[in-house]
Amino acid sequence: GHFGFEWYKGVLARLHVNAFKVQPPNLADLLASTKPSGSAVLPAAAMMQHSCAPNTMLMFPEADATFQFVASTDLAAGDELFISYIDETQGVAARQ
């Protein structure tokens, strides 16, 4: 049928590539949190450009579905915003 194995495989692949990890903003909050973390598909974030030195961070201040883009550097009017799709603290080999 229309919703066969290949369809599900395609949906899961797109979700995997476009999902962002939801977690409290710092380790202390993560360890103290009773709220579950998970994944979120955010079209606004998925459409932003990637940089290994981003000028914007995607934050989940309450470890829920509420998200914010927070500047990580000084920005001027008209600057393009970049986020990191990866954990940039990992070494080059792990990121590639």
PDB file of N, CA and C in Angstrom:
ATOM      1  N   GLY A   1       0.804  -1.190   0.000  1.00  0.00           N
ATOM      2  CA  GLY A   1       0.000   0.000   0.000  1.00  0.00           C
ATOM      3  C   GLY A   1       0.848   1.255   0.000  1.00  0.00           C
ATOM      4  N   HIS A   2       0.174   2.349   0.106  1.00  0.00           N
ATOM      5  CA  HIS A   2       0.814   3.666   0.074  1.00  0.00           C
ATOM      6  C   HIS A   2       1.758   3.868   1.260  1.00  0.00           C
ATOM      7  N   PHE A   3       1.396   3.335   2.417  1.00  0.00           N
ATOM      8  CA  PHE A   3       2.211   3.513   3.614  1.00  0.00           C
ATOM      9  C   PHE A   3       3.023   2.259   3.910  1.00  0.00           C
ATOM     10  N   GLY A   4       3.793   1.834   2.946  1.00  0.00           N
ATOM     11  CA  GLY A   4       4.605   0.640   3.091  1.00  0.00           C
ATOM     12  C   GLY A   4       5.936   0.928   3.755  1.00  0.00           C
ATOM     13  N   PHE A   5       6.781  -0.079   3.754  1.00  0.00           N
ATOM     14  CA  PHE A   5       8.081   0.003   4.405  1.00  0.00           C
ATOM     15  C   PHE A   5       8.918   1.166   3.876  1.00  0.00           C
ATOM     16  N   GLU A   6       8.983   1.350   2.561  1.00  0.00           N
ATOM     17  CA  GLU A   6       9.802   2.419   1.977  1.00  0.00           C
ATOM     18  C   GLU A   6       9.305   3.796   2.410  1.00  0.00           C
ATOM     19  N   TRP A   7       7.991   3.974   2.512  1.00  0.00           N
ATOM     20  CA  TRP A   7       7.439   5.244   2.960  1.00  0.00           C
ATOM     21  C   TRP A   7       7.873   5.526   4.400  1.00  0.00           C
ATOM     22  N   TYR A   8       7.704   4.534   5.281  1.00  0.00           N
ATOM     23  CA  TYR A   8       8.098   4.707   6.686  1.00  0.00           C
ATOM     24  C   TYR A   8       9.603   4.955   6.810  1.00  0.00           C
ATOM     25  N   LYS A   9      10.390   4.247   6.031  1.00  0.00           N
ATOM     26  CA  LYS A   9      11.832   4.430   6.058  1.00  0.00           C
ATOM     27  C   LYS A   9      12.186   5.859   5.654  1.00  0.00           C
ATOM     28  N   GLY A  10      11.527   6.391   4.654  1.00  0.00           N
ATOM     29  CA  GLY A  10      11.768   7.765   4.215  1.00  0.00           C
ATOM     30  C   GLY A  10      11.372   8.786   5.269  1.00  0.00           C
ATOM     31  N   VAL A  11      10.234   8.580   5.913  1.00  0.00           N
ATOM     32  CA  VAL A  11       9.788   9.494   6.973  1.00  0.00           C
ATOM     33  C   VAL A  11      10.771   9.480   8.133  1.00  0.00           C
ATOM     34  N   LEU A  12      11.177   8.296   8.572  1.00  0.00           N
ATOM     35  CA  LEU A  12      12.124   8.204   9.684  1.00  0.00           C
ATOM     36  C   LEU A  12      13.465   8.839   9.339  1.00  0.00           C
ATOM     37  N   ALA A  13      13.917   8.681   8.113  1.00  0.00           N
ATOM     38  CA  ALA A  13      15.181   9.289   7.696  1.00  0.00           C
ATOM     39  C   ALA A  13      15.079  10.810   7.737  1.00  0.00           C
ATOM     40  N   ARG A  14      13.965  11.374   7.246  1.00  0.00           N
ATOM     41  CA  ARG A  14      13.793  12.826   7.277  1.00  0.00           C
ATOM     42  C   ARG A  14      13.678  13.341   8.707  1.00  0.00           C
ATOM     43  N   LEU A  15      13.003  12.606   9.568  1.00  0.00           N
ATOM     44  CA  LEU A  15      12.908  13.006  10.970  1.00  0.00           C
ATOM     45  C   LEU A  15      14.280  12.986  11.637  1.00  0.00           C
ATOM     46  N   HIS A  16      15.057  11.938  11.367  1.00  0.00           N
ATOM     47  CA  HIS A  16      16.387  11.819  11.959  1.00  0.00           C
ATOM     48  C   HIS A  16      17.285  12.983  11.550  1.00  0.00           C
ATOM     49  N   VAL A  17      17.238  13.352  10.303  1.00  0.00           N
ATOM     50  CA  VAL A  17      18.103  14.413   9.785  1.00  0.00           C
ATOM     51  C   VAL A  17      17.667  15.792  10.277  1.00  0.00           C
ATOM     52  N   ASN A  18      16.364  16.002  10.475  1.00  0.00           N
ATOM     53  CA  ASN A  18      15.846  17.334  10.787  1.00  0.00           C
ATOM     54  C   ASN A  18      15.449  17.538  12.237  1.00  0.00           C
ATOM     55  N   ALA A  19      15.641  16.562  13.104  1.00  0.00           N
ATOM     56  CA  ALA A  19      15.233  16.694  14.505  1.00  0.00           C
ATOM     57  C   ALA A  19      16.351  17.327  15.334  1.00  0.00           C
ATOM     58  N   PHE A  20      15.949  18.069  16.342  1.00  0.00           N
ATOM     59  CA  PHE A  20      16.872  18.703  17.278  1.00  0.00           C
ATOM     60  C   PHE A  20      16.633  18.116  18.660  1.00  0.00           C
ATOM     61  N   LYS A  21      17.726  17.923  19.411  1.00  0.00           N
ATOM     62  CA  LYS A  21      17.619  17.376  20.758  1.00  0.00           C
ATOM     63  C   LYS A  21      17.060  18.440  21.697  1.00  0.00           C
ATOM     64  N   VAL A  22      16.042  18.069  22.469  1.00  0.00           N
ATOM     65  CA  VAL A  22      15.457  18.960  23.466  1.00  0.00           C
ATOM     66  C   VAL A  22      16.037  18.587  24.818  1.00  0.00           C
ATOM     67  N   GLN A  23      16.680  19.559  25.457  1.00  0.00           N
ATOM     68  CA  GLN A  23      17.239  19.307  26.782  1.00  0.00           C
ATOM     69  C   GLN A  23      17.382  20.632  27.512  1.00  0.00           C
ATOM     70  N   PRO A  24      17.453  20.598  28.843  1.00  0.00           N
ATOM     71  CA  PRO A  24      17.680  21.839  29.592  1.00  0.00           C
ATOM     72  C   PRO A  24      18.984  22.487  29.149  1.00  0.00           C
ATOM     73  N   PRO A  25      19.111  23.811  29.350  1.00  0.00           N
ATOM     74  CA  PRO A  25      20.260  24.542  28.817  1.00  0.00           C
ATOM     75  C   PRO A  25      21.598  24.249  29.471  1.00  0.00           C
ATOM     76  N   ASN A  26      21.637  23.617  30.640  1.00  0.00           N
ATOM     77  CA  ASN A  26      22.935  23.310  31.242  1.00  0.00           C
ATOM     78  C   ASN A  26      22.868  21.995  32.000  1.00  0.00           C
ATOM     79  N   LEU A  27      24.019  21.444  32.334  1.00  0.00           N
ATOM     80  CA  LEU A  27      24.104  20.123  32.944  1.00  0.00           C
ATOM     81  C   LEU A  27      23.383  20.060  34.284  1.00  0.00           C
ATOM     82  N   ALA A  28      23.511  21.095  35.105  1.00  0.00           N
ATOM     83  CA  ALA A  28      22.850  21.088  36.415  1.00  0.00           C
ATOM     84  C   ALA A  28      21.339  20.982  36.252  1.00  0.00           C
ATOM     85  N   ASP A  29      20.786  21.739  35.292  1.00  0.00           N
ATOM     86  CA  ASP A  29      19.346  21.657  35.044  1.00  0.00           C
ATOM     87  C   ASP A  29      18.966  20.295  34.490  1.00  0.00           C
ATOM     88  N   LEU A  30      19.818  19.737  33.636  1.00  0.00           N
ATOM     89  CA  LEU A  30      19.551  18.421  33.068  1.00  0.00           C
ATOM     90  C   LEU A  30      19.488  17.363  34.163  1.00  0.00           C
ATOM     91  N   LEU A  31      20.450  17.386  35.089  1.00  0.00           N
ATOM     92  CA  LEU A  31      20.491  16.395  36.162  1.00  0.00           C
ATOM     93  C   LEU A  31      19.347  16.579  37.150  1.00  0.00           C
ATOM     94  N   ALA A  32      18.910  17.822  37.374  1.00  0.00           N
ATOM     95  CA  ALA A  32      17.846  18.101  38.337  1.00  0.00           C
ATOM     96  C   ALA A  32      16.454  18.005  37.724  1.00  0.00           C
ATOM     97  N   SER A  33      16.381  17.922  36.410  1.00  0.00           N
ATOM     98  CA  SER A  33      15.090  17.989  35.726  1.00  0.00           C
ATOM     99  C   SER A  33      14.278  16.715  35.897  1.00  0.00           C
ATOM    100  N   THR A  34      12.996  16.914  36.126  1.00  0.00           N
ATOM    101  CA  THR A  34      12.064  15.791  36.127  1.00  0.00           C
ATOM    102  C   THR A  34      11.314  15.748  34.801  1.00  0.00           C
ATOM    103  N   LYS A  35      11.551  16.757  33.963  1.00  0.00           N
ATOM    104  CA  LYS A  35      10.917  16.803  32.653  1.00  0.00           C
ATOM    105  C   LYS A  35      11.697  15.918  31.686  1.00  0.00           C
ATOM    106  N   PRO A  36      11.011  15.167  30.865  1.00  0.00           N
ATOM    107  CA  PRO A  36      11.740  14.342  29.897  1.00  0.00           C
ATOM    108  C   PRO A  36      12.354  15.194  28.803  1.00  0.00           C
ATOM    109  N   SER A  37      13.488  14.759  28.309  1.00  0.00           N
ATOM    110  CA  SER A  37      14.033  15.398  27.119  1.00  0.00           C
ATOM    111  C   SER A  37      13.627  14.535  25.932  1.00  0.00           C
ATOM    112  N   GLY A  38      13.829  15.022  24.760  1.00  0.00           N
ATOM    113  CA  GLY A  38      13.421  14.277  23.579  1.00  0.00           C
ATOM    114  C   GLY A  38      13.924  14.967  22.336  1.00  0.00           C
ATOM    115  N   SER A  39      13.155  14.874  21.280  1.00  0.00           N
ATOM    116  CA  SER A  39      13.496  15.474  20.001  1.00  0.00           C
ATOM    117  C   SER A  39      12.338  16.328  19.525  1.00  0.00           C
ATOM    118  N   ALA A  40      12.678  17.326  18.721  1.00  0.00           N
ATOM    119  CA  ALA A  40      11.662  18.202  18.137  1.00  0.00           C
ATOM    120  C   ALA A  40      12.019  18.472  16.693  1.00  0.00           C
ATOM    121  N   VAL A  41      11.022  18.499  15.843  1.00  0.00           N
ATOM    122  CA  VAL A  41      11.207  18.893  14.452  1.00  0.00           C
ATOM    123  C   VAL A  41      10.748  20.341  14.355  1.00  0.00           C
ATOM    124  N   LEU A  42      11.685  21.227  14.058  1.00  0.00           N
ATOM    125  CA  LEU A  42      11.442  22.665  14.044  1.00  0.00           C
ATOM    126  C   LEU A  42      11.789  23.217  12.669  1.00  0.00           C
ATOM    127  N   PRO A  43      10.793  23.443  11.815  1.00  0.00           N
ATOM    128  CA  PRO A  43      11.100  23.927  10.462  1.00  0.00           C
ATOM    129  C   PRO A  43      11.946  25.198  10.450  1.00  0.00           C
ATOM    130  N   ALA A  44      11.698  26.131  11.369  1.00  0.00           N
ATOM    131  CA  ALA A  44      12.475  27.377  11.387  1.00  0.00           C
ATOM    132  C   ALA A  44      13.951  27.087  11.631  1.00  0.00           C
ATOM    133  N   ALA A  45      14.256  26.159  12.516  1.00  0.00           N
ATOM    134  CA  ALA A  45      15.653  25.808  12.800  1.00  0.00           C
ATOM    135  C   ALA A  45      16.252  24.964  11.688  1.00  0.00           C
ATOM    136  N   ALA A  46      15.476  24.046  11.147  1.00  0.00           N
ATOM    137  CA  ALA A  46      15.988  23.161  10.098  1.00  0.00           C
ATOM    138  C   ALA A  46      16.332  23.922   8.822  1.00  0.00           C
ATOM    139  N   MET A  47      15.731  25.079   8.628  1.00  0.00           N
ATOM    140  CA  MET A  47      15.989  25.855   7.418  1.00  0.00           C
ATOM    141  C   MET A  47      17.147  26.833   7.588  1.00  0.00           C
ATOM    142  N   MET A  48      17.688  26.969   8.801  1.00  0.00           N
ATOM    143  CA  MET A  48      18.827  27.861   9.016  1.00  0.00           C
ATOM    144  C   MET A  48      20.099  27.201   8.504  1.00  0.00           C
ATOM    145  N   GLN A  49      21.067  28.023   8.147  1.00  0.00           N
ATOM    146  CA  GLN A  49      22.342  27.523   7.656  1.00  0.00           C
ATOM    147  C   GLN A  49      23.187  27.000   8.812  1.00  0.00           C
ATOM    148  N   HIS A  50      24.012  25.986   8.521  1.00  0.00           N
ATOM    149  CA  HIS A  50      24.920  25.403   9.508  1.00  0.00           C
ATOM    150  C   HIS A  50      26.271  26.105   9.474  1.00  0.00           C
ATOM    151  N   SER A  51      26.884  26.197  10.652  1.00  0.00           N
ATOM    152  CA  SER A  51      28.269  26.631  10.764  1.00  0.00           C
ATOM    153  C   SER A  51      28.900  25.898  11.934  1.00  0.00           C
ATOM    154  N   CYS A  52      30.168  25.533  11.785  1.00  0.00           N
ATOM    155  CA  CYS A  52      30.903  24.954  12.926  1.00  0.00           C
ATOM    156  C   CYS A  52      31.289  26.036  13.926  1.00  0.00           C
ATOM    157  N   ALA A  53      31.122  27.297  13.548  1.00  0.00           N
ATOM    158  CA  ALA A  53      31.319  28.440  14.445  1.00  0.00           C
ATOM    159  C   ALA A  53      30.054  29.300  14.360  1.00  0.00           C
ATOM    160  N   PRO A  54      28.932  28.804  14.888  1.00  0.00           N
ATOM    161  CA  PRO A  54      27.650  29.495  14.720  1.00  0.00           C
ATOM    162  C   PRO A  54      27.585  30.803  15.507  1.00  0.00           C
ATOM    163  N   ASN A  55      26.717  31.726  15.037  1.00  0.00           N
ATOM    164  CA  ASN A  55      26.503  32.973  15.759  1.00  0.00           C
ATOM    165  C   ASN A  55      25.186  32.966  16.533  1.00  0.00           C
ATOM    166  N   THR A  56      24.468  31.860  16.457  1.00  0.00           N
ATOM    167  CA  THR A  56      23.171  31.708  17.113  1.00  0.00           C
ATOM    168  C   THR A  56      23.075  30.306  17.699  1.00  0.00           C
ATOM    169  N   MET A  57      22.443  30.201  18.861  1.00  0.00           N
ATOM    170  CA  MET A  57      22.220  28.894  19.481  1.00  0.00           C
ATOM    171  C   MET A  57      20.719  28.631  19.570  1.00  0.00           C
ATOM    172  N   LEU A  58      20.354  27.392  19.406  1.00  0.00           N
ATOM    173  CA  LEU A  58      18.980  26.951  19.607  1.00  0.00           C
ATOM    174  C   LEU A  58      18.877  26.485  21.049  1.00  0.00           C
ATOM    175  N   MET A  59      18.013  27.127  21.834  1.00  0.00           N
ATOM    176  CA  MET A  59      17.895  26.817  23.258  1.00  0.00           C
ATOM    177  C   MET A  59      16.474  26.379  23.592  1.00  0.00           C
ATOM    178  N   PHE A  60      16.377  25.463  24.534  1.00  0.00           N
ATOM    179  CA  PHE A  60      15.103  25.021  25.101  1.00  0.00           C
ATOM    180  C   PHE A  60      15.150  25.364  26.591  1.00  0.00           C
ATOM    181  N   PRO A  61      14.807  26.597  26.978  1.00  0.00           N
ATOM    182  CA  PRO A  61      15.016  27.033  28.357  1.00  0.00           C
ATOM    183  C   PRO A  61      14.242  26.241  29.399  1.00  0.00           C
ATOM    184  N   GLU A  62      13.135  25.666  29.036  1.00  0.00           N
ATOM    185  CA  GLU A  62      12.327  24.907  29.997  1.00  0.00           C
ATOM    186  C   GLU A  62      12.333  23.411  29.700  1.00  0.00           C
ATOM    187  N   ALA A  63      13.170  22.967  28.786  1.00  0.00           N
ATOM    188  CA  ALA A  63      13.228  21.550  28.375  1.00  0.00           C
ATOM    189  C   ALA A  63      11.854  21.060  27.957  1.00  0.00           C
ATOM    190  N   ASP A  64      11.136  21.911  27.242  1.00  0.00           N
ATOM    191  CA  ASP A  64       9.830  21.524  26.704  1.00  0.00           C
ATOM    192  C   ASP A  64       9.794  21.939  25.237  1.00  0.00           C
ATOM    193  N   ALA A  65       8.628  22.133  24.692  1.00  0.00           N
ATOM    194  CA  ALA A  65       8.507  22.463  23.274  1.00  0.00           C
ATOM    195  C   ALA A  65       8.793  23.931  22.972  1.00  0.00           C
ATOM    196  N   THR A  66       9.038  24.740  24.001  1.00  0.00           N
ATOM    197  CA  THR A  66       9.329  26.148  23.798  1.00  0.00           C
ATOM    198  C   THR A  66      10.809  26.318  23.468  1.00  0.00           C
ATOM    199  N   PHE A  67      11.089  26.959  22.337  1.00  0.00           N
ATOM    200  CA  PHE A  67      12.488  27.152  21.961  1.00  0.00           C
ATOM    201  C   PHE A  67      12.761  28.611  21.657  1.00  0.00           C
ATOM    202  N   GLN A  68      14.032  28.958  21.717  1.00  0.00           N
ATOM    203  CA  GLN A  68      14.480  30.309  21.413  1.00  0.00           C
ATOM    204  C   GLN A  68      15.762  30.228  20.594  1.00  0.00           C
ATOM    205  N   PHE A  69      15.942  31.207  19.723  1.00  0.00           N
ATOM    206  CA  PHE A  69      17.237  31.412  19.094  1.00  0.00           C
ATOM    207  C   PHE A  69      17.935  32.495  19.906  1.00  0.00           C
ATOM    208  N   VAL A  70      19.145  32.215  20.375  1.00  0.00           N
ATOM    209  CA  VAL A  70      19.892  33.149  21.207  1.00  0.00           C
ATOM    210  C   VAL A  70      21.204  33.462  20.499  1.00  0.00           C
ATOM    211  N   ALA A  71      21.508  34.749  20.366  1.00  0.00           N
ATOM    212  CA  ALA A  71      22.766  35.158  19.729  1.00  0.00           C
ATOM    213  C   ALA A  71      23.939  34.723  20.600  1.00  0.00           C
ATOM    214  N   SER A  72      24.938  34.112  19.983  1.00  0.00           N
ATOM    215  CA  SER A  72      26.143  33.704  20.714  1.00  0.00           C
ATOM    216  C   SER A  72      27.317  34.637  20.415  1.00  0.00           C
ATOM    217  N   THR A  73      27.105  35.576  19.516  1.00  0.00           N
ATOM    218  CA  THR A  73      28.093  36.612  19.196  1.00  0.00           C
ATOM    219  C   THR A  73      27.324  37.911  18.977  1.00  0.00           C
ATOM    220  N   ASP A  74      28.049  39.020  18.901  1.00  0.00           N
ATOM    221  CA  ASP A  74      27.408  40.286  18.565  1.00  0.00           C
ATOM    222  C   ASP A  74      26.914  40.203  17.119  1.00  0.00           C
ATOM    223  N   LEU A  75      25.691  40.662  16.891  1.00  0.00           N
ATOM    224  CA  LEU A  75      25.095  40.639  15.557  1.00  0.00           C
ATOM    225  C   LEU A  75      24.751  42.054  15.122  1.00  0.00           C
ATOM    226  N   ALA A  76      24.900  42.302  13.839  1.00  0.00           N
ATOM    227  CA  ALA A  76      24.489  43.578  13.255  1.00  0.00           C
ATOM    228  C   ALA A  76      23.250  43.340  12.405  1.00  0.00           C
ATOM    229  N   ALA A  77      22.477  44.377  12.199  1.00  0.00           N
ATOM    230  CA  ALA A  77      21.298  44.275  11.346  1.00  0.00           C
ATOM    231  C   ALA A  77      21.716  43.714   9.992  1.00  0.00           C
ATOM    232  N   GLY A  78      20.997  42.727   9.516  1.00  0.00           N
ATOM    233  CA  GLY A  78      21.280  42.130   8.223  1.00  0.00           C
ATOM    234  C   GLY A  78      22.226  40.947   8.248  1.00  0.00           C
ATOM    235  N   ASP A  79      22.852  40.651   9.398  1.00  0.00           N
ATOM    236  CA  ASP A  79      23.726  39.477   9.496  1.00  0.00           C
ATOM    237  C   ASP A  79      22.920  38.203   9.289  1.00  0.00           C
ATOM    238  N   GLU A  80      23.480  37.263   8.547  1.00  0.00           N
ATOM    239  CA  GLU A  80      22.845  35.954   8.406  1.00  0.00           C
ATOM    240  C   GLU A  80      23.058  35.182   9.703  1.00  0.00           C
ATOM    241  N   LEU A  81      22.015  34.465  10.128  1.00  0.00           N
ATOM    242  CA  LEU A  81      22.095  33.674  11.347  1.00  0.00           C
ATOM    243  C   LEU A  81      22.504  32.251  11.010  1.00  0.00           C
ATOM    244  N   PHE A  82      23.418  31.709  11.809  1.00  0.00           N
ATOM    245  CA  PHE A  82      23.893  30.344  11.628  1.00  0.00           C
ATOM    246  C   PHE A  82      23.721  29.588  12.941  1.00  0.00           C
ATOM    247  N   ILE A  83      23.350  28.326  12.843  1.00  0.00           N
ATOM    248  CA  ILE A  83      23.328  27.431  13.996  1.00  0.00           C
ATOM    249  C   ILE A  83      24.220  26.244  13.675  1.00  0.00           C
ATOM    250  N   SER A  84      24.526  25.466  14.679  1.00  0.00           N
ATOM    251  CA  SER A  84      25.297  24.248  14.460  1.00  0.00           C
ATOM    252  C   SER A  84      24.337  23.071  14.473  1.00  0.00           C
ATOM    253  N   TYR A  85      24.429  22.222  13.481  1.00  0.00           N
ATOM    254  CA  TYR A  85      23.609  21.010  13.420  1.00  0.00           C
ATOM    255  C   TYR A  85      24.229  19.887  14.245  1.00  0.00           C
ATOM    256  N   ILE A  86      25.425  20.097  14.712  1.00  0.00           N
ATOM    257  CA  ILE A  86      26.193  19.040  15.370  1.00  0.00           C
ATOM    258  C   ILE A  86      26.713  19.529  16.716  1.00  0.00           C
ATOM    259  N   ASP A  87      27.331  18.638  17.453  1.00  0.00           N
ATOM    260  CA  ASP A  87      28.008  19.012  18.696  1.00  0.00           C
ATOM    261  C   ASP A  87      29.418  19.451  18.319  1.00  0.00           C
ATOM    262  N   GLU A  88      29.632  20.757  18.260  1.00  0.00           N
ATOM    263  CA  GLU A  88      30.931  21.265  17.796  1.00  0.00           C
ATOM    264  C   GLU A  88      32.047  21.068  18.796  1.00  0.00           C
ATOM    265  N   THR A  89      31.757  20.535  19.988  1.00  0.00           N
ATOM    266  CA  THR A  89      32.818  20.227  20.949  1.00  0.00           C
ATOM    267  C   THR A  89      33.498  18.896  20.626  1.00  0.00           C
ATOM    268  N   GLN A  90      32.898  18.090  19.738  1.00  0.00           N
ATOM    269  CA  GLN A  90      33.521  16.833  19.325  1.00  0.00           C
ATOM    270  C   GLN A  90      34.679  17.127  18.374  1.00  0.00           C
ATOM    271  N   GLY A  91      35.612  16.215  18.295  1.00  0.00           N
ATOM    272  CA  GLY A  91      36.728  16.352  17.374  1.00  0.00           C
ATOM    273  C   GLY A  91      36.275  16.268  15.932  1.00  0.00           C
ATOM    274  N   VAL A  92      37.163  16.673  15.032  1.00  0.00           N
ATOM    275  CA  VAL A  92      36.843  16.706  13.607  1.00  0.00           C
ATOM    276  C   VAL A  92      36.433  15.322  13.097  1.00  0.00           C
ATOM    277  N   ALA A  93      37.149  14.286  13.493  1.00  0.00           N
ATOM    278  CA  ALA A  93      36.839  12.917  13.027  1.00  0.00           C
ATOM    279  C   ALA A  93      35.419  12.502  13.413  1.00  0.00           C
ATOM    280  N   ALA A  94      35.014  12.810  14.634  1.00  0.00           N
ATOM    281  CA  ALA A  94      33.673  12.435  15.107  1.00  0.00           C
ATOM    282  C   ALA A  94      32.587  13.228  14.390  1.00  0.00           C
ATOM    283  N   ARG A  95      32.901  14.472  13.985  1.00  0.00           N
ATOM    284  CA  ARG A  95      31.906  15.316  13.321  1.00  0.00           C
ATOM    285  C   ARG A  95      31.721  14.949  11.867  1.00  0.00           C
ATOM    286  N   GLN A  96      32.729  14.329  11.265  1.00  0.00           N
ATOM    287  CA  GLN A  96      32.621  13.992   9.850  1.00  0.00           C
ATOM    288  C   GLN A  96      32.223  12.582   9.732  1.00  0.00           C
TER     289      GLN A  96
END
